[in-house]
Amino acid sequence: GGFKANISPLVAEQYRRTKLSVTTLQTGERVIIDPALTTARIYMY
């Protein structure tokens, strides 16, 4: 119980970006870097 409460937040907080950001891919496409999507993928894996 003590382990489970803390291991899940610990794995996600290894990623520190918190705000949406806009960047341009090498293909020229402008996209939004979404921390929520990153967190979702972290938890999937």
PDB file of all heavy atoms in Angstrom:
ATOM      1  N   GLY A   1       0.806  -1.214   0.000  1.00  0.00           N
ATOM      2  CA  GLY A   1       0.000   0.000   0.000  1.00  0.00           C
ATOM      3  C   GLY A   1       0.840   1.265   0.000  1.00  0.00           C
ATOM      4  O   GLY A   1       0.570   2.210  -0.754  1.00  0.00           O
ATOM      5  N   GLY A   2       1.886   1.292   0.836  1.00  0.00           N
ATOM      6  CA  GLY A   2       2.767   2.455   0.850  1.00  0.00           C
ATOM      7  C   GLY A   2       3.507   2.632  -0.464  1.00  0.00           C
ATOM      8  O   GLY A   2       3.769   3.749  -0.912  1.00  0.00           O
ATOM      9  N   PHE A   3       3.841   1.518  -1.097  1.00  0.00           N
ATOM     10  CA  PHE A   3       4.534   1.555  -2.383  1.00  0.00           C
ATOM     11  C   PHE A   3       3.620   2.078  -3.488  1.00  0.00           C
ATOM     12  O   PHE A   3       3.992   2.974  -4.254  1.00  0.00           O
ATOM     13  CB  PHE A   3       5.016   0.139  -2.703  1.00  0.00           C
ATOM     14  CG  PHE A   3       5.740   0.005  -4.011  1.00  0.00           C
ATOM     15  CD1 PHE A   3       7.105   0.180  -4.087  1.00  0.00           C
ATOM     16  CD2 PHE A   3       5.046  -0.313  -5.176  1.00  0.00           C
ATOM     17  CE1 PHE A   3       7.782   0.048  -5.290  1.00  0.00           C
ATOM     18  CE2 PHE A   3       5.708  -0.449  -6.382  1.00  0.00           C
ATOM     19  CZ  PHE A   3       7.081  -0.272  -6.441  1.00  0.00           C
ATOM     20  N   LYS A   4       2.392   1.529  -3.574  1.00  0.00           N
ATOM     21  CA  LYS A   4       1.491   1.854  -4.675  1.00  0.00           C
ATOM     22  C   LYS A   4       1.084   3.321  -4.682  1.00  0.00           C
ATOM     23  O   LYS A   4       0.894   3.906  -5.749  1.00  0.00           O
ATOM     24  CB  LYS A   4       0.239   0.973  -4.607  1.00  0.00           C
ATOM     25  CG  LYS A   4       0.468  -0.464  -4.999  1.00  0.00           C
ATOM     26  CD  LYS A   4       0.874  -0.583  -6.459  1.00  0.00           C
ATOM     27  CE  LYS A   4      -0.236  -0.194  -7.407  1.00  0.00           C
ATOM     28  NZ  LYS A   4       0.178  -0.303  -8.828  1.00  0.00           N
ATOM     29  N   ALA A   5       0.914   3.923  -3.513  1.00  0.00           N
ATOM     30  CA  ALA A   5       0.469   5.314  -3.458  1.00  0.00           C
ATOM     31  C   ALA A   5       1.486   6.264  -4.058  1.00  0.00           C
ATOM     32  O   ALA A   5       1.124   7.364  -4.509  1.00  0.00           O
ATOM     33  CB  ALA A   5       0.183   5.709  -2.012  1.00  0.00           C
ATOM     34  N   ASN A   6       2.748   5.858  -4.081  1.00  0.00           N
ATOM     35  CA  ASN A   6       3.811   6.795  -4.435  1.00  0.00           C
ATOM     36  C   ASN A   6       4.570   6.463  -5.712  1.00  0.00           C
ATOM     37  O   ASN A   6       5.181   7.348  -6.310  1.00  0.00           O
ATOM     38  CB  ASN A   6       4.805   6.871  -3.261  1.00  0.00           C
ATOM     39  CG  ASN A   6       4.175   7.457  -2.020  1.00  0.00           C
ATOM     40  OD1 ASN A   6       3.856   8.640  -1.972  1.00  0.00           O
ATOM     41  ND2 ASN A   6       3.959   6.619  -1.013  1.00  0.00           N
ATOM     42  N   ILE A   7       4.524   5.205  -6.138  1.00  0.00           N
ATOM     43  CA  ILE A   7       5.282   4.848  -7.335  1.00  0.00           C
ATOM     44  C   ILE A   7       4.658   5.457  -8.585  1.00  0.00           C
ATOM     45  O   ILE A   7       5.358   5.881  -9.506  1.00  0.00           O
ATOM     46  CB  ILE A   7       5.404   3.309  -7.460  1.00  0.00           C
ATOM     47  CG1 ILE A   7       6.493   2.940  -8.456  1.00  0.00           C
ATOM     48  CG2 ILE A   7       4.081   2.683  -7.821  1.00  0.00           C
ATOM     49  CD1 ILE A   7       7.894   3.203  -7.983  1.00  0.00           C
ATOM     50  N   SER A   8       3.319   5.535  -8.635  1.00  0.00           N
ATOM     51  CA  SER A   8       2.653   6.100  -9.822  1.00  0.00           C
ATOM     52  C   SER A   8       2.940   7.591  -9.988  1.00  0.00           C
ATOM     53  O   SER A   8       3.271   8.034 -11.094  1.00  0.00           O
ATOM     54  CB  SER A   8       1.147   5.839  -9.760  1.00  0.00           C
ATOM     55  OG  SER A   8       0.879   4.452  -9.768  1.00  0.00           O
ATOM     56  N   PRO A   9       2.823   8.415  -8.922  1.00  0.00           N
ATOM     57  CA  PRO A   9       3.216   9.818  -9.097  1.00  0.00           C
ATOM     58  C   PRO A   9       4.704   9.991  -9.403  1.00  0.00           C
ATOM     59  O   PRO A   9       5.083  10.877 -10.163  1.00  0.00           O
ATOM     60  CB  PRO A   9       2.850  10.457  -7.749  1.00  0.00           C
ATOM     61  CG  PRO A   9       1.835   9.562  -7.146  1.00  0.00           C
ATOM     62  CD  PRO A   9       2.214   8.185  -7.603  1.00  0.00           C
ATOM     63  N   LEU A  10       5.549   9.131  -8.804  1.00  0.00           N
ATOM     64  CA  LEU A  10       6.991   9.271  -9.023  1.00  0.00           C
ATOM     65  C   LEU A  10       7.354   9.064 -10.487  1.00  0.00           C
ATOM     66  O   LEU A  10       8.195   9.789 -11.035  1.00  0.00           O
ATOM     67  CB  LEU A  10       7.759   8.269  -8.150  1.00  0.00           C
ATOM     68  CG  LEU A  10       9.285   8.360  -8.232  1.00  0.00           C
ATOM     69  CD1 LEU A  10       9.784   9.685  -7.667  1.00  0.00           C
ATOM     70  CD2 LEU A  10       9.939   7.189  -7.492  1.00  0.00           C
ATOM     71  N   VAL A  11       6.719   8.090 -11.148  1.00  0.00           N
ATOM     72  CA  VAL A  11       7.070   7.829 -12.544  1.00  0.00           C
ATOM     73  C   VAL A  11       6.660   8.987 -13.436  1.00  0.00           C
ATOM     74  O   VAL A  11       7.385   9.362 -14.367  1.00  0.00           O
ATOM     75  CB  VAL A  11       6.428   6.505 -13.035  1.00  0.00           C
ATOM     76  CG1 VAL A  11       4.927   6.622 -13.203  1.00  0.00           C
ATOM     77  CG2 VAL A  11       7.074   6.053 -14.351  1.00  0.00           C
ATOM     78  N   ALA A  12       5.521   9.616 -13.161  1.00  0.00           N
ATOM     79  CA  ALA A  12       5.053  10.714 -14.015  1.00  0.00           C
ATOM     80  C   ALA A  12       5.809  12.004 -13.750  1.00  0.00           C
ATOM     81  O   ALA A  12       6.016  12.803 -14.677  1.00  0.00           O
ATOM     82  CB  ALA A  12       3.560  10.941 -13.817  1.00  0.00           C
ATOM     83  N   GLU A  13       6.246  12.233 -12.509  1.00  0.00           N
ATOM     84  CA  GLU A  13       6.921  13.491 -12.229  1.00  0.00           C
ATOM     85  C   GLU A  13       8.377  13.490 -12.707  1.00  0.00           C
ATOM     86  O   GLU A  13       9.063  14.498 -12.581  1.00  0.00           O
ATOM     87  CB  GLU A  13       6.841  13.837 -10.746  1.00  0.00           C
ATOM     88  CG  GLU A  13       7.667  12.978  -9.818  1.00  0.00           C
ATOM     89  CD  GLU A  13       7.464  13.376  -8.357  1.00  0.00           C
ATOM     90  OE1 GLU A  13       6.600  14.227  -8.093  1.00  0.00           O
ATOM     91  OE2 GLU A  13       8.162  12.818  -7.489  1.00  0.00           O
ATOM     92  N   GLN A  14       8.824  12.387 -13.303  1.00  0.00           N
ATOM     93  CA  GLN A  14      10.123  12.406 -13.971  1.00  0.00           C
ATOM     94  C   GLN A  14      10.076  13.302 -15.202  1.00  0.00           C
ATOM     95  O   GLN A  14      11.105  13.748 -15.702  1.00  0.00           O
ATOM     96  CB  GLN A  14      10.550  10.995 -14.360  1.00  0.00           C
ATOM     97  CG  GLN A  14      10.666  10.016 -13.203  1.00  0.00           C
ATOM     98  CD  GLN A  14      11.530  10.534 -12.073  1.00  0.00           C
ATOM     99  OE1 GLN A  14      12.709  10.849 -12.265  1.00  0.00           O
ATOM    100  NE2 GLN A  14      10.949  10.654 -10.889  1.00  0.00           N
ATOM    101  N   TYR A  15       8.869  13.538 -15.711  1.00  0.00           N
ATOM    102  CA  TYR A  15       8.674  14.487 -16.819  1.00  0.00           C
ATOM    103  C   TYR A  15       8.212  15.813 -16.225  1.00  0.00           C
ATOM    104  O   TYR A  15       7.208  15.865 -15.513  1.00  0.00           O
ATOM    105  CB  TYR A  15       7.620  13.941 -17.793  1.00  0.00           C
ATOM    106  CG  TYR A  15       7.305  14.904 -18.915  1.00  0.00           C
ATOM    107  CD1 TYR A  15       8.206  15.103 -19.954  1.00  0.00           C
ATOM    108  CD2 TYR A  15       6.113  15.619 -18.929  1.00  0.00           C
ATOM    109  CE1 TYR A  15       7.924  15.980 -20.988  1.00  0.00           C
ATOM    110  CE2 TYR A  15       5.818  16.498 -19.949  1.00  0.00           C
ATOM    111  CZ  TYR A  15       6.721  16.678 -20.977  1.00  0.00           C
ATOM    112  OH  TYR A  15       6.448  17.556 -21.988  1.00  0.00           O
ATOM    113  N   ARG A  16       8.905  16.908 -16.513  1.00  0.00           N
ATOM    114  CA  ARG A  16       8.700  18.154 -15.789  1.00  0.00           C
ATOM    115  C   ARG A  16       7.979  19.247 -16.572  1.00  0.00           C
ATOM    116  O   ARG A  16       7.565  20.243 -15.987  1.00  0.00           O
ATOM    117  CB  ARG A  16      10.051  18.711 -15.307  1.00  0.00           C
ATOM    118  CG  ARG A  16      10.848  17.739 -14.462  1.00  0.00           C
ATOM    119  CD  ARG A  16      10.119  17.353 -13.194  1.00  0.00           C
ATOM    120  NE  ARG A  16      10.146  18.432 -12.216  1.00  0.00           N
ATOM    121  CZ  ARG A  16       9.530  18.375 -11.028  1.00  0.00           C
ATOM    122  NH1 ARG A  16       8.823  17.333 -10.716  1.00  0.00           N
ATOM    123  NH2 ARG A  16       9.608  19.399 -10.197  1.00  0.00           N
ATOM    124  N   ARG A  17       7.854  19.125 -17.884  1.00  0.00           N
ATOM    125  CA  ARG A  17       7.181  20.185 -18.642  1.00  0.00           C
ATOM    126  C   ARG A  17       5.701  20.191 -18.271  1.00  0.00           C
ATOM    127  O   ARG A  17       5.058  19.148 -18.217  1.00  0.00           O
ATOM    128  CB  ARG A  17       7.360  19.984 -20.144  1.00  0.00           C
ATOM    129  CG  ARG A  17       6.798  21.125 -20.977  1.00  0.00           C
ATOM    130  CD  ARG A  17       7.120  20.929 -22.455  1.00  0.00           C
ATOM    131  NE  ARG A  17       8.555  21.035 -22.700  1.00  0.00           N
ATOM    132  CZ  ARG A  17       9.188  22.197 -22.852  1.00  0.00           C
ATOM    133  NH1 ARG A  17       8.533  23.340 -22.762  1.00  0.00           N
ATOM    134  NH2 ARG A  17      10.478  22.216 -23.084  1.00  0.00           N
ATOM    135  N   THR A  18       5.127  21.377 -18.046  1.00  0.00           N
ATOM    136  CA  THR A  18       3.745  21.470 -17.574  1.00  0.00           C
ATOM    137  C   THR A  18       2.841  22.293 -18.474  1.00  0.00           C
ATOM    138  O   THR A  18       1.621  22.217 -18.336  1.00  0.00           O
ATOM    139  CB  THR A  18       3.710  22.100 -16.168  1.00  0.00           C
ATOM    140  OG1 THR A  18       4.273  23.408 -16.221  1.00  0.00           O
ATOM    141  CG2 THR A  18       4.456  21.232 -15.168  1.00  0.00           C
ATOM    142  N   LYS A  19       3.392  23.087 -19.400  1.00  0.00           N
ATOM    143  CA  LYS A  19       2.548  23.971 -20.197  1.00  0.00           C
ATOM    144  C   LYS A  19       2.567  23.582 -21.669  1.00  0.00           C
ATOM    145  O   LYS A  19       3.544  23.044 -22.181  1.00  0.00           O
ATOM    146  CB  LYS A  19       2.998  25.422 -20.035  1.00  0.00           C
ATOM    147  CG  LYS A  19       4.414  25.698 -20.488  1.00  0.00           C
ATOM    148  CD  LYS A  19       4.818  27.154 -20.250  1.00  0.00           C
ATOM    149  CE  LYS A  19       4.020  28.081 -21.140  1.00  0.00           C
ATOM    150  NZ  LYS A  19       4.502  29.485 -21.033  1.00  0.00           N
ATOM    151  N   LEU A  20       1.466  23.846 -22.334  1.00  0.00           N
ATOM    152  CA  LEU A  20       1.381  23.637 -23.770  1.00  0.00           C
ATOM    153  C   LEU A  20       2.386  24.539 -24.480  1.00  0.00           C
ATOM    154  O   LEU A  20       2.570  25.688 -24.086  1.00  0.00           O
ATOM    155  CB  LEU A  20      -0.029  23.944 -24.282  1.00  0.00           C
ATOM    156  CG  LEU A  20      -1.179  23.091 -23.750  1.00  0.00           C
ATOM    157  CD1 LEU A  20      -2.503  23.645 -24.255  1.00  0.00           C
ATOM    158  CD2 LEU A  20      -1.016  21.646 -24.170  1.00  0.00           C
ATOM    159  N   SER A  21       3.026  24.006 -25.505  1.00  0.00           N
ATOM    160  CA  SER A  21       3.999  24.784 -26.279  1.00  0.00           C
ATOM    161  C   SER A  21       3.824  24.478 -27.752  1.00  0.00           C
ATOM    162  O   SER A  21       3.429  23.378 -28.127  1.00  0.00           O
ATOM    163  CB  SER A  21       5.434  24.460 -25.857  1.00  0.00           C
ATOM    164  OG  SER A  21       5.617  24.716 -24.487  1.00  0.00           O
ATOM    165  N   VAL A  22       4.131  25.462 -28.582  1.00  0.00           N
ATOM    166  CA  VAL A  22       4.023  25.295 -30.033  1.00  0.00           C
ATOM    167  C   VAL A  22       5.423  25.164 -30.613  1.00  0.00           C
ATOM    168  O   VAL A  22       6.338  25.896 -30.233  1.00  0.00           O
ATOM    169  CB  VAL A  22       3.302  26.492 -30.679  1.00  0.00           C
ATOM    170  CG1 VAL A  22       3.230  26.320 -32.195  1.00  0.00           C
ATOM    171  CG2 VAL A  22       1.906  26.649 -30.089  1.00  0.00           C
ATOM    172  N   THR A  23       5.589  24.222 -31.525  1.00  0.00           N
ATOM    173  CA  THR A  23       6.871  24.058 -32.207  1.00  0.00           C
ATOM    174  C   THR A  23       6.606  23.644 -33.652  1.00  0.00           C
ATOM    175  O   THR A  23       5.484  23.340 -34.032  1.00  0.00           O
ATOM    176  CB  THR A  23       7.754  23.002 -31.514  1.00  0.00           C
ATOM    177  OG1 THR A  23       9.066  23.046 -32.056  1.00  0.00           O
ATOM    178  CG2 THR A  23       7.175  21.611 -31.686  1.00  0.00           C
ATOM    179  N   THR A  24       7.664  23.620 -34.440  1.00  0.00           N
ATOM    180  CA  THR A  24       7.569  23.232 -35.842  1.00  0.00           C
ATOM    181  C   THR A  24       8.364  21.961 -36.065  1.00  0.00           C
ATOM    182  O   THR A  24       9.538  21.881 -35.701  1.00  0.00           O
ATOM    183  CB  THR A  24       8.108  24.348 -36.751  1.00  0.00           C
ATOM    184  OG1 THR A  24       7.372  25.548 -36.513  1.00  0.00           O
ATOM    185  CG2 THR A  24       7.972  23.954 -38.221  1.00  0.00           C
ATOM    186  N   LEU A  25       7.727  20.956 -36.656  1.00  0.00           N
ATOM    187  CA  LEU A  25       8.401  19.702 -36.947  1.00  0.00           C
ATOM    188  C   LEU A  25       9.367  19.871 -38.109  1.00  0.00           C
ATOM    189  O   LEU A  25       9.331  20.867 -38.835  1.00  0.00           O
ATOM    190  CB  LEU A  25       7.378  18.616 -37.290  1.00  0.00           C
ATOM    191  CG  LEU A  25       6.320  18.283 -36.246  1.00  0.00           C
ATOM    192  CD1 LEU A  25       5.421  17.179 -36.755  1.00  0.00           C
ATOM    193  CD2 LEU A  25       6.952  17.891 -34.932  1.00  0.00           C
ATOM    194  N   GLN A  26      10.219  18.890 -38.289  1.00  0.00           N
ATOM    195  CA  GLN A  26      11.152  18.914 -39.413  1.00  0.00           C
ATOM    196  C   GLN A  26      10.422  18.879 -40.749  1.00  0.00           C
ATOM    197  O   GLN A  26      10.961  19.297 -41.775  1.00  0.00           O
ATOM    198  CB  GLN A  26      12.118  17.737 -39.304  1.00  0.00           C
ATOM    199  CG  GLN A  26      13.057  17.839 -38.106  1.00  0.00           C
ATOM    200  CD  GLN A  26      13.971  16.633 -37.970  1.00  0.00           C
ATOM    201  OE1 GLN A  26      13.830  15.662 -38.703  1.00  0.00           O
ATOM    202  NE2 GLN A  26      14.909  16.694 -37.044  1.00  0.00           N
ATOM    203  N   THR A  27       9.182  18.379 -40.739  1.00  0.00           N
ATOM    204  CA  THR A  27       8.367  18.350 -41.962  1.00  0.00           C
ATOM    205  C   THR A  27       7.762  19.712 -42.267  1.00  0.00           C
ATOM    206  O   THR A  27       7.140  19.890 -43.317  1.00  0.00           O
ATOM    207  CB  THR A  27       7.237  17.327 -41.823  1.00  0.00           C
ATOM    208  OG1 THR A  27       6.402  17.689 -40.712  1.00  0.00           O
ATOM    209  CG2 THR A  27       7.793  15.927 -41.596  1.00  0.00           C
ATOM    210  N   GLY A  28       7.895  20.688 -41.347  1.00  0.00           N
ATOM    211  CA  GLY A  28       7.308  22.004 -41.534  1.00  0.00           C
ATOM    212  C   GLY A  28       5.965  22.180 -40.863  1.00  0.00           C
ATOM    213  O   GLY A  28       5.411  23.289 -40.849  1.00  0.00           O
ATOM    214  N   GLU A  29       5.434  21.095 -40.287  1.00  0.00           N
ATOM    215  CA  GLU A  29       4.130  21.184 -39.625  1.00  0.00           C
ATOM    216  C   GLU A  29       4.274  21.798 -38.238  1.00  0.00           C
ATOM    217  O   GLU A  29       5.156  21.425 -37.463  1.00  0.00           O
ATOM    218  CB  GLU A  29       3.516  19.788 -39.502  1.00  0.00           C
ATOM    219  CG  GLU A  29       2.158  19.788 -38.807  1.00  0.00           C
ATOM    220  CD  GLU A  29       1.660  18.384 -38.514  1.00  0.00           C
ATOM    221  OE1 GLU A  29       2.372  17.413 -38.855  1.00  0.00           O
ATOM    222  OE2 GLU A  29       0.568  18.257 -37.916  1.00  0.00           O
ATOM    223  N   ARG A  30       3.415  22.786 -37.937  1.00  0.00           N
ATOM    224  CA  ARG A  30       3.371  23.359 -36.589  1.00  0.00           C
ATOM    225  C   ARG A  30       2.449  22.504 -35.720  1.00  0.00           C
ATOM    226  O   ARG A  30       1.324  22.176 -36.114  1.00  0.00           O
ATOM    227  CB  ARG A  30       2.852  24.796 -36.634  1.00  0.00           C
ATOM    228  CG  ARG A  30       3.903  25.790 -37.136  1.00  0.00           C
ATOM    229  CD  ARG A  30       3.317  27.150 -37.395  1.00  0.00           C
ATOM    230  NE  ARG A  30       2.603  27.698 -36.242  1.00  0.00           N
ATOM    231  CZ  ARG A  30       3.191  28.267 -35.186  1.00  0.00           C
ATOM    232  NH1 ARG A  30       4.509  28.364 -35.155  1.00  0.00           N
ATOM    233  NH2 ARG A  30       2.472  28.761 -34.205  1.00  0.00           N
ATOM    234  N   VAL A  31       2.959  22.134 -34.542  1.00  0.00           N
ATOM    235  CA  VAL A  31       2.200  21.275 -33.638  1.00  0.00           C
ATOM    236  C   VAL A  31       2.279  21.822 -32.220  1.00  0.00           C
ATOM    237  O   VAL A  31       3.115  22.683 -31.906  1.00  0.00           O
ATOM    238  CB  VAL A  31       2.723  19.821 -33.659  1.00  0.00           C
ATOM    239  CG1 VAL A  31       2.516  19.170 -35.007  1.00  0.00           C
ATOM    240  CG2 VAL A  31       4.198  19.772 -33.244  1.00  0.00           C
ATOM    241  N   ILE A  32       1.429  21.285 -31.356  1.00  0.00           N
ATOM    242  CA  ILE A  32       1.428  21.648 -29.936  1.00  0.00           C
ATOM    243  C   ILE A  32       2.022  20.498 -29.139  1.00  0.00           C
ATOM    244  O   ILE A  32       1.585  19.352 -29.265  1.00  0.00           O
ATOM    245  CB  ILE A  32       0.003  21.950 -29.439  1.00  0.00           C
ATOM    246  CG1 ILE A  32      -0.565  23.183 -30.137  1.00  0.00           C
ATOM    247  CG2 ILE A  32      -0.019  22.135 -27.930  1.00  0.00           C
ATOM    248  CD1 ILE A  32      -2.009  23.468 -29.786  1.00  0.00           C
ATOM    249  N   ILE A  33       3.030  20.798 -28.324  1.00  0.00           N
ATOM    250  CA  ILE A  33       3.569  19.819 -27.378  1.00  0.00           C
ATOM    251  C   ILE A  33       2.630  19.811 -26.177  1.00  0.00           C
ATOM    252  O   ILE A  33       2.523  20.787 -25.447  1.00  0.00           O
ATOM    253  CB  ILE A  33       4.987  20.180 -26.919  1.00  0.00           C
ATOM    254  CG1 ILE A  33       5.891  20.439 -28.120  1.00  0.00           C
ATOM    255  CG2 ILE A  33       5.561  19.082 -26.029  1.00  0.00           C
ATOM    256  CD1 ILE A  33       6.038  19.250 -29.020  1.00  0.00           C
ATOM    257  N   ASP A  34       1.940  18.696 -25.961  1.00  0.00           N
ATOM    258  CA  ASP A  34       0.916  18.607 -24.924  1.00  0.00           C
ATOM    259  C   ASP A  34       1.407  17.741 -23.766  1.00  0.00           C
ATOM    260  O   ASP A  34       1.528  16.520 -23.918  1.00  0.00           O
ATOM    261  CB  ASP A  34      -0.369  18.019 -25.512  1.00  0.00           C
ATOM    262  CG  ASP A  34      -1.551  18.160 -24.566  1.00  0.00           C
ATOM    263  OD1 ASP A  34      -1.324  18.349 -23.367  1.00  0.00           O
ATOM    264  OD2 ASP A  34      -2.698  18.063 -25.039  1.00  0.00           O
ATOM    265  N   PRO A  35       1.702  18.320 -22.589  1.00  0.00           N
ATOM    266  CA  PRO A  35       2.140  17.511 -21.445  1.00  0.00           C
ATOM    267  C   PRO A  35       1.114  16.477 -21.016  1.00  0.00           C
ATOM    268  O   PRO A  35       1.481  15.418 -20.498  1.00  0.00           O
ATOM    269  CB  PRO A  35       2.369  18.562 -20.348  1.00  0.00           C
ATOM    270  CG  PRO A  35       2.615  19.837 -21.081  1.00  0.00           C
ATOM    271  CD  PRO A  35       1.753  19.762 -22.300  1.00  0.00           C
ATOM    272  N   ALA A  36      -0.183  16.765 -21.219  1.00  0.00           N
ATOM    273  CA  ALA A  36      -1.214  15.794 -20.848  1.00  0.00           C
ATOM    274  C   ALA A  36      -1.100  14.526 -21.686  1.00  0.00           C
ATOM    275  O   ALA A  36      -1.250  13.407 -21.177  1.00  0.00           O
ATOM    276  CB  ALA A  36      -2.605  16.411 -21.009  1.00  0.00           C
ATOM    277  N   LEU A  37      -0.810  14.674 -22.985  1.00  0.00           N
ATOM    278  CA  LEU A  37      -0.611  13.510 -23.834  1.00  0.00           C
ATOM    279  C   LEU A  37       0.649  12.749 -23.436  1.00  0.00           C
ATOM    280  O   LEU A  37       0.695  11.519 -23.486  1.00  0.00           O
ATOM    281  CB  LEU A  37      -0.513  13.930 -25.300  1.00  0.00           C
ATOM    282  CG  LEU A  37      -1.804  14.395 -25.984  1.00  0.00           C
ATOM    283  CD1 LEU A  37      -1.532  14.732 -27.441  1.00  0.00           C
ATOM    284  CD2 LEU A  37      -2.883  13.336 -25.872  1.00  0.00           C
ATOM    285  N   THR A  38       1.673  13.480 -23.035  1.00  0.00           N
ATOM    286  CA  THR A  38       2.900  12.834 -22.577  1.00  0.00           C
ATOM    287  C   THR A  38       2.638  12.021 -21.319  1.00  0.00           C
ATOM    288  O   THR A  38       3.094  10.884 -21.187  1.00  0.00           O
ATOM    289  CB  THR A  38       3.990  13.881 -22.301  1.00  0.00           C
ATOM    290  OG1 THR A  38       4.138  14.723 -23.440  1.00  0.00           O
ATOM    291  CG2 THR A  38       5.315  13.207 -21.996  1.00  0.00           C
ATOM    292  N   THR A  39       1.892  12.598 -20.381  1.00  0.00           N
ATOM    293  CA  THR A  39       1.553  11.879 -19.155  1.00  0.00           C
ATOM    294  C   THR A  39       0.721  10.644 -19.463  1.00  0.00           C
ATOM    295  O   THR A  39       0.931   9.578 -18.883  1.00  0.00           O
ATOM    296  CB  THR A  39       0.777  12.798 -18.194  1.00  0.00           C
ATOM    297  OG1 THR A  39       1.583  13.938 -17.884  1.00  0.00           O
ATOM    298  CG2 THR A  39       0.428  12.067 -16.901  1.00  0.00           C
ATOM    299  N   ALA A  40      -0.221  10.781 -20.396  1.00  0.00           N
ATOM    300  CA  ALA A  40      -1.041   9.635 -20.784  1.00  0.00           C
ATOM    301  C   ALA A  40      -0.175   8.511 -21.339  1.00  0.00           C
ATOM    302  O   ALA A  40      -0.359   7.333 -21.009  1.00  0.00           O
ATOM    303  CB  ALA A  40      -2.085  10.059 -21.808  1.00  0.00           C
ATOM    304  N   ARG A  41       0.791   8.868 -22.177  1.00  0.00           N
ATOM    305  CA  ARG A  41       1.663   7.835 -22.756  1.00  0.00           C
ATOM    306  C   ARG A  41       2.559   7.229 -21.685  1.00  0.00           C
ATOM    307  O   ARG A  41       2.801   6.018 -21.681  1.00  0.00           O
ATOM    308  CB  ARG A  41       2.496   8.426 -23.887  1.00  0.00           C
ATOM    309  CG  ARG A  41       3.540   7.459 -24.432  1.00  0.00           C
ATOM    310  CD  ARG A  41       4.128   7.912 -25.746  1.00  0.00           C
ATOM    311  NE  ARG A  41       3.305   7.452 -26.855  1.00  0.00           N
ATOM    312  CZ  ARG A  41       3.652   7.623 -28.137  1.00  0.00           C
ATOM    313  NH1 ARG A  41       4.763   8.272 -28.429  1.00  0.00           N
ATOM    314  NH2 ARG A  41       2.891   7.165 -29.094  1.00  0.00           N
ATOM    315  N   ILE A  42       3.074   8.048 -20.767  1.00  0.00           N
ATOM    316  CA  ILE A  42       3.894   7.513 -19.678  1.00  0.00           C
ATOM    317  C   ILE A  42       3.121   6.447 -18.914  1.00  0.00           C
ATOM    318  O   ILE A  42       3.642   5.364 -18.621  1.00  0.00           O
ATOM    319  CB  ILE A  42       4.342   8.644 -18.727  1.00  0.00           C
ATOM    320  CG1 ILE A  42       5.432   9.495 -19.387  1.00  0.00           C
ATOM    321  CG2 ILE A  42       4.870   8.073 -17.404  1.00  0.00           C
ATOM    322  CD1 ILE A  42       5.806  10.733 -18.588  1.00  0.00           C
ATOM    323  N   TYR A  43       1.864   6.739 -18.601  1.00  0.00           N
ATOM    324  CA  TYR A  43       1.089   5.784 -17.823  1.00  0.00           C
ATOM    325  C   TYR A  43       0.695   4.560 -18.645  1.00  0.00           C
ATOM    326  O   TYR A  43       0.547   3.450 -18.093  1.00  0.00           O
ATOM    327  CB  TYR A  43      -0.146   6.453 -17.221  1.00  0.00           C
ATOM    328  CG  TYR A  43       0.171   7.153 -15.926  1.00  0.00           C
ATOM    329  CD1 TYR A  43      -0.058   8.511 -15.763  1.00  0.00           C
ATOM    330  CD2 TYR A  43       0.737   6.454 -14.864  1.00  0.00           C
ATOM    331  CE1 TYR A  43       0.254   9.155 -14.573  1.00  0.00           C
ATOM    332  CE2 TYR A  43       1.058   7.084 -13.679  1.00  0.00           C
ATOM    333  CZ  TYR A  43       0.813   8.426 -13.536  1.00  0.00           C
ATOM    334  OH  TYR A  43       1.134   9.061 -12.361  1.00  0.00           O
ATOM    335  N   MET A  44       0.531   4.688 -19.944  1.00  0.00           N
ATOM    336  CA  MET A  44       0.259   3.512 -20.765  1.00  0.00           C
ATOM    337  C   MET A  44       1.424   2.540 -20.706  1.00  0.00           C
ATOM    338  O   MET A  44       1.239   1.328 -20.537  1.00  0.00           O
ATOM    339  CB  MET A  44      -0.033   3.914 -22.207  1.00  0.00           C
ATOM    340  CG  MET A  44      -1.378   4.593 -22.405  1.00  0.00           C
ATOM    341  SD  MET A  44      -1.827   4.797 -24.142  1.00  0.00           S
ATOM    342  CE  MET A  44      -2.217   3.106 -24.571  1.00  0.00           C
ATOM    343  N   TYR A  45       2.647   3.051 -20.817  1.00  0.00           N
ATOM    344  CA  TYR A  45       3.796   2.159 -20.800  1.00  0.00           C
ATOM    345  C   TYR A  45       4.174   1.756 -19.383  1.00  0.00           C
ATOM    346  O   TYR A  45       4.746   0.677 -19.173  1.00  0.00           O
ATOM    347  CB  TYR A  45       4.955   2.794 -21.569  1.00  0.00           C
ATOM    348  CG  TYR A  45       4.656   2.762 -23.038  1.00  0.00           C
ATOM    349  CD1 TYR A  45       4.081   3.846 -23.685  1.00  0.00           C
ATOM    350  CD2 TYR A  45       4.874   1.608 -23.777  1.00  0.00           C
ATOM    351  CE1 TYR A  45       3.746   3.793 -25.024  1.00  0.00           C
ATOM    352  CE2 TYR A  45       4.548   1.544 -25.119  1.00  0.00           C
ATOM    353  CZ  TYR A  45       3.978   2.644 -25.731  1.00  0.00           C
ATOM    354  OH  TYR A  45       3.631   2.563 -27.056  1.00  0.00           O
TER     355      TYR A  45
END
